[in-house]
Protein backbone atom coordinates (compact mmCIF):
# COMPACT_ATOMS: atom_id res chain seq x y z
CA MET A 1 0.00 0.00 0.00
CA GLY A 2 2.60 2.50 -1.09
CA ILE A 3 0.09 4.86 -2.71
CA HIS A 4 -0.93 7.68 -0.41
CA ILE A 5 -1.17 11.43 -0.18
CA PRO A 6 2.25 12.72 0.87
CA PRO A 7 1.88 13.97 4.43
CA THR A 8 3.54 17.29 3.87
CA PRO A 9 4.53 18.13 0.30
CA GLY A 10 7.57 20.35 0.20
CA CYS A 11 8.58 19.36 3.70
CA ARG A 12 12.01 20.90 3.25
CA ARG A 13 10.40 24.21 2.39
CA TRP A 14 7.83 24.24 5.17
CA ASP A 15 4.90 26.59 4.71
CA ASP A 16 2.14 26.25 7.30
CA ARG A 17 -0.33 28.58 5.57
CA PRO A 18 -2.29 25.89 3.66
CA TRP A 19 -2.64 23.74 6.79
CA PHE A 20 -3.59 26.75 8.93
CA ALA A 21 -6.27 28.05 6.57
CA ALA A 22 -7.64 24.62 5.62
CA GLY A 23 -7.85 23.50 9.24
CA GLY A 24 -9.47 26.72 10.40
CA ILE A 25 -12.12 26.71 7.66
CA ALA A 26 -12.90 23.04 8.31
CA GLY A 27 -13.24 23.68 12.05
CA VAL A 28 -15.69 26.55 11.63
CA CYS A 29 -17.83 24.62 9.13
CA VAL A 30 -18.21 21.50 11.24
CA ASP A 31 -18.83 23.32 14.53
CA LEU A 32 -21.54 25.59 13.19
CA ILE A 33 -23.33 22.78 11.35
CA LEU A 34 -23.22 20.22 14.17
CA PHE A 35 -23.57 22.43 17.23
CA PRO A 36 -27.21 21.40 17.99
CA LEU A 37 -26.28 17.70 18.15
CA ASP A 38 -23.42 18.48 20.53
CA THR A 39 -25.81 20.40 22.79
CA ILE A 40 -28.29 17.50 22.82
CA LYS A 41 -25.48 15.03 23.60
CA THR A 42 -24.25 17.18 26.49
CA ARG A 43 -27.73 17.42 27.97
CA LEU A 44 -28.31 13.66 27.64
CA GLN A 45 -25.16 13.11 29.71
CA SER A 46 -26.06 15.70 32.35
CA PRO A 47 -26.74 14.28 35.84
CA GLN A 48 -29.77 16.62 35.96
CA GLY A 49 -31.40 14.61 33.20
CA PHE A 50 -32.13 15.73 29.65
CA LYS A 51 -35.33 17.65 30.36
CA LYS A 52 -34.05 19.56 33.40
CA ALA A 53 -30.81 20.39 31.57
CA GLY A 54 -32.85 22.24 28.95
CA GLY A 55 -34.22 19.56 26.64
CA PHE A 56 -34.53 20.87 23.11
CA HIS A 57 -34.77 24.48 24.25
CA GLY A 58 -31.97 26.81 23.15
CA ILE A 59 -29.88 24.15 21.41
CA TYR A 60 -27.74 26.89 19.86
CA ALA A 61 -26.83 28.28 23.29
CA GLY A 62 -23.07 28.81 23.42
CA VAL A 63 -22.59 28.90 19.64
CA PRO A 64 -20.79 32.31 19.60
CA SER A 65 -17.97 31.03 21.83
CA ALA A 66 -17.71 27.84 19.78
CA ALA A 67 -17.49 29.80 16.53
CA VAL A 68 -14.80 32.11 17.92
CA GLY A 69 -12.69 29.19 19.11
CA SER A 70 -13.22 26.93 16.08
CA PHE A 71 -10.86 28.54 13.58
CA PRO A 72 -7.71 28.89 15.72
CA ASN A 73 -8.36 25.58 17.46
CA ALA A 74 -8.61 23.52 14.27
CA ALA A 75 -5.87 25.51 12.57
CA ALA A 76 -3.47 24.92 15.47
CA PHE A 77 -4.28 21.21 15.47
CA PHE A 78 -3.59 20.65 11.79
CA VAL A 79 -0.46 22.80 11.63
CA THR A 80 0.96 20.80 14.56
CA TYR A 81 -0.32 17.47 13.22
CA GLU A 82 1.15 17.94 9.74
CA TYR A 83 4.44 19.36 11.04
CA VAL A 84 5.03 16.55 13.55
CA LYS A 85 3.95 13.96 10.98
CA CYS A 86 6.43 15.45 8.50
CA LEU A 87 9.27 15.31 11.01
CA LEU A 88 8.55 11.76 12.12
CA HIS A 89 8.08 10.42 8.59
CA THR A 90 11.63 11.46 7.77
CA VAL A 91 13.12 9.35 10.58
CA SER A 92 10.74 6.39 10.86
CA PRO A 93 10.12 3.41 8.52
CA PRO A 94 6.78 3.06 6.65
CA TYR A 95 5.49 0.29 8.92
CA MET A 96 5.62 2.75 11.82
CA SER A 97 3.08 5.06 10.13
CA PRO A 98 0.24 4.31 12.61
CA VAL A 99 2.53 5.22 15.52
CA THR A 100 3.62 8.36 13.67
CA HIS A 101 -0.01 9.40 13.18
CA MET A 102 -0.80 8.68 16.83
CA ALA A 103 2.09 10.83 18.02
CA ALA A 104 1.27 13.65 15.60
CA ALA A 105 -2.41 13.63 16.62
CA SER A 106 -1.47 13.67 20.31
CA PHE A 107 0.81 16.68 19.89
CA GLY A 108 -1.90 18.38 17.82
CA GLU A 109 -4.51 17.84 20.53
CA VAL A 110 -2.27 19.24 23.27
CA VAL A 111 -1.67 22.44 21.29
CA ALA A 112 -5.30 22.73 20.21
CA CYS A 113 -6.58 22.20 23.77
CA LEU A 114 -4.75 25.32 24.94
CA ILE A 115 -7.05 27.24 22.59
CA ARG A 116 -10.13 25.02 22.86
CA VAL A 117 -10.57 24.88 26.62
CA PRO A 118 -11.60 28.52 27.32
CA SER A 119 -14.34 28.40 24.67
CA GLU A 120 -15.32 24.88 25.79
CA VAL A 121 -15.90 26.13 29.35
CA VAL A 122 -18.11 28.96 28.12
CA LYS A 123 -20.00 26.65 25.75
CA GLN A 124 -20.67 23.96 28.36
CA ARG A 125 -21.82 26.52 30.90
CA ALA A 126 -24.20 28.05 28.39
CA GLN A 127 -25.53 24.62 27.44
CA VAL A 128 -26.25 23.25 30.92
CA SER A 129 -25.21 26.00 33.40
CA PRO A 130 -22.46 24.03 35.20
CA SER A 131 -19.64 25.11 37.44
CA SER A 132 -16.10 23.96 36.65
CA SER A 133 -12.56 25.30 36.73
CA THR A 134 -10.54 25.87 33.56
CA PHE A 135 -7.79 23.55 34.82
CA GLN A 136 -10.29 20.73 35.29
CA VAL A 137 -11.64 21.28 31.79
CA LEU A 138 -8.10 21.27 30.34
CA SER A 139 -7.01 18.06 32.06
CA ASN A 140 -10.22 16.20 31.31
CA THR A 141 -10.42 17.44 27.73
CA LEU A 142 -6.90 16.08 27.15
CA TYR A 143 -7.89 12.85 28.91
CA GLN A 144 -10.75 12.41 26.42
CA GLU A 145 -9.45 13.98 23.22
CA ILE A 146 -6.05 12.30 23.05
CA PRO A 147 -7.52 8.75 23.20
CA PHE A 148 -10.08 9.81 20.58
CA SER A 149 -7.39 11.13 18.24
CA LEU A 150 -5.22 8.05 18.86
CA VAL A 151 -8.05 6.02 17.30
CA GLN A 152 -9.42 8.44 14.69
CA PHE A 153 -6.36 9.72 12.86
CA PRO A 154 -4.39 6.48 12.36
CA LEU A 155 -7.64 4.84 11.20
CA TRP A 156 -8.40 7.76 8.83
CA GLU A 157 -4.90 7.64 7.34
CA SER A 158 -5.00 3.82 7.02
CA LEU A 159 -8.40 3.84 5.32
CA LYS A 160 -7.17 6.46 2.85
CA ASP A 161 -4.07 4.40 2.09
CA LEU A 162 -6.14 1.24 1.63
CA TRP A 163 -8.64 2.95 -0.68
CA SER A 164 -5.79 4.55 -2.65
CA TRP A 165 -4.11 1.15 -3.04
CA LYS A 166 -7.37 -0.50 -4.16
CA GLN A 167 -8.10 2.06 -6.89
CA GLY A 168 -4.51 2.72 -7.95
CA HIS A 169 -4.42 6.46 -7.22
CA VAL A 170 -4.74 8.79 -4.26
CA VAL A 171 -8.20 9.28 -2.83
CA ASP A 172 -10.35 12.23 -3.85
CA SER A 173 -11.61 14.70 -1.25
CA TRP A 174 -15.03 13.03 -0.99
CA GLN A 175 -13.32 9.68 -0.41
CA SER A 176 -11.13 11.24 2.28
CA ALA A 177 -14.32 12.61 3.83
CA THR A 178 -15.93 9.15 3.79
CA CYS A 179 -12.88 7.66 5.50
CA GLY A 180 -13.14 10.47 8.05
CA ALA A 181 -16.77 9.60 8.74
CA PHE A 182 -15.99 5.93 9.43
CA ALA A 183 -12.93 6.74 11.53
CA GLY A 184 -14.77 9.39 13.53
CA GLY A 185 -17.81 7.20 14.17
CA PHE A 186 -15.70 4.30 15.41
CA ALA A 187 -13.56 6.52 17.61
CA ALA A 188 -16.68 8.20 18.98
CA ALA A 189 -18.22 4.87 19.98
CA VAL A 190 -15.21 3.45 21.81
CA THR A 191 -14.44 6.69 23.67
CA THR A 192 -18.01 7.53 24.74
CA PRO A 193 -17.41 6.53 28.40
CA LEU A 194 -14.58 9.07 28.61
CA ASP A 195 -16.87 11.71 27.11
CA VAL A 196 -19.54 10.89 29.70
CA ALA A 197 -16.98 11.20 32.50
CA LYS A 198 -15.72 14.53 31.16
CA THR A 199 -19.24 15.91 30.91
CA ARG A 200 -20.14 14.76 34.44
CA ILE A 201 -17.02 16.43 35.83
CA MET A 202 -17.63 19.65 33.92
CA LEU A 203 -21.24 19.76 35.11
CA ALA A 204 -20.50 18.74 38.70
CA LYS A 205 -21.62 20.99 41.53
CA ALA A 206 -18.97 22.25 43.93
CA GLY A 207 -18.37 19.76 46.74
CA SER A 208 -19.79 16.77 44.87
CA SER A 209 -17.74 13.60 44.29
CA ASN A 210 -17.27 14.41 40.61
CA ALA A 211 -16.06 17.95 41.31
CA SER A 212 -12.60 16.59 42.17
CA GLY A 213 -11.96 16.06 38.47
CA ASN A 214 -10.97 12.38 38.77
CA VAL A 215 -11.99 10.66 35.52
CA LEU A 216 -11.76 7.10 36.91
CA SER A 217 -13.86 8.12 39.90
CA ALA A 218 -16.48 9.65 37.61
CA LEU A 219 -16.57 6.50 35.47
CA HIS A 220 -17.00 4.34 38.58
CA SER A 221 -19.79 6.57 39.85
CA VAL A 222 -21.67 6.30 36.55
CA TRP A 223 -21.13 2.53 36.44
CA ARG A 224 -22.52 2.08 39.98
CA SER A 225 -25.58 4.24 39.43
CA GLN A 226 -26.47 3.52 35.80
CA GLY A 227 -24.38 0.60 34.63
CA LEU A 228 -23.32 0.11 31.02
CA PRO A 229 -26.17 2.24 29.58
CA GLY A 230 -24.96 5.16 31.68
CA LEU A 231 -21.39 4.84 30.40
CA PHE A 232 -22.68 4.98 26.83
CA ALA A 233 -25.29 7.69 27.40
CA GLY A 234 -25.59 9.85 24.31
CA VAL A 235 -23.62 7.39 22.16
CA VAL A 236 -26.07 7.60 19.23
CA PRO A 237 -26.07 11.41 18.85
CA ARG A 238 -22.31 11.38 19.59
CA MET A 239 -21.62 8.84 16.83
CA THR A 240 -24.01 10.60 14.46
CA ALA A 241 -22.48 14.00 15.12
CA ILE A 242 -18.86 12.85 14.92
CA SER A 243 -19.40 10.67 11.86
CA LEU A 244 -21.03 13.56 10.07
CA GLY A 245 -18.45 15.88 11.59
CA GLY A 246 -15.62 13.66 10.38
CA PHE A 247 -17.05 13.76 6.87
CA ILE A 248 -17.39 17.55 6.87
CA PHE A 249 -14.24 18.34 8.87
CA LEU A 250 -11.74 16.06 7.15
CA GLY A 251 -13.36 16.40 3.73
CA THR A 252 -13.35 20.20 3.94
CA TYR A 253 -9.78 20.15 5.23
CA ASP A 254 -8.59 17.89 2.41
CA LYS A 255 -10.38 19.88 -0.30
CA THR A 256 -9.27 23.29 1.00
CA ARG A 257 -5.70 22.07 1.44
CA ARG A 258 -5.56 20.87 -2.16
CA LEU A 259 -6.91 24.16 -3.43
CA LEU A 260 -4.31 26.13 -1.49
CA LEU A 261 -1.27 23.98 -2.29
């Protein structure tokens, strides 16, 4: 499977502008389109219950902060992801590609989280009126997002390589988007318990057991009170949103990147 889109064309003459613009545009598009599903998912996971957390009322609450944070957040992720991937590809053999993509995605998430967390706090508070510190949101966002990216991006890159090999040429943007949808949906399903724990911690009242910010403690609390269904609360809208989001996000990124290169 040697046919694939070169990770960073012109790596010796690095220019981050295409990755920055393409990532930023993709981030804004997907966040604005899918914001209602994210609000519904958050309220389904709220310990208050869906109805008391707001139900279907005001499902665009918090969208201004999300829109403001989307462009720099996604741009920072992809600039870091492509740069680290470029560096690692030059020193690692082809069979190490999945590990390279995992490392690049992890670095990208760390950088992006420094931008994402402030807007995430504002968004979550607008969606369900919780109380949570920025440090808690940062640590728990990293706890959730890095495992998600460790699954999504290597799978996305592998699916693109496989499809490219099958058809004898690099995938088109719509095919990259389709791979993104499958990778995002799978990653969303297997990391739903971490998302539930993060939401419970972010929505925890001061002094409650979840307010300490311990993810394992939050998972145990959900397991004891609600069992397996509780750990996978909101999995359907989460998978739906992230599958669709993966299609829009990675497809838009791929198409915009090609136009700018």
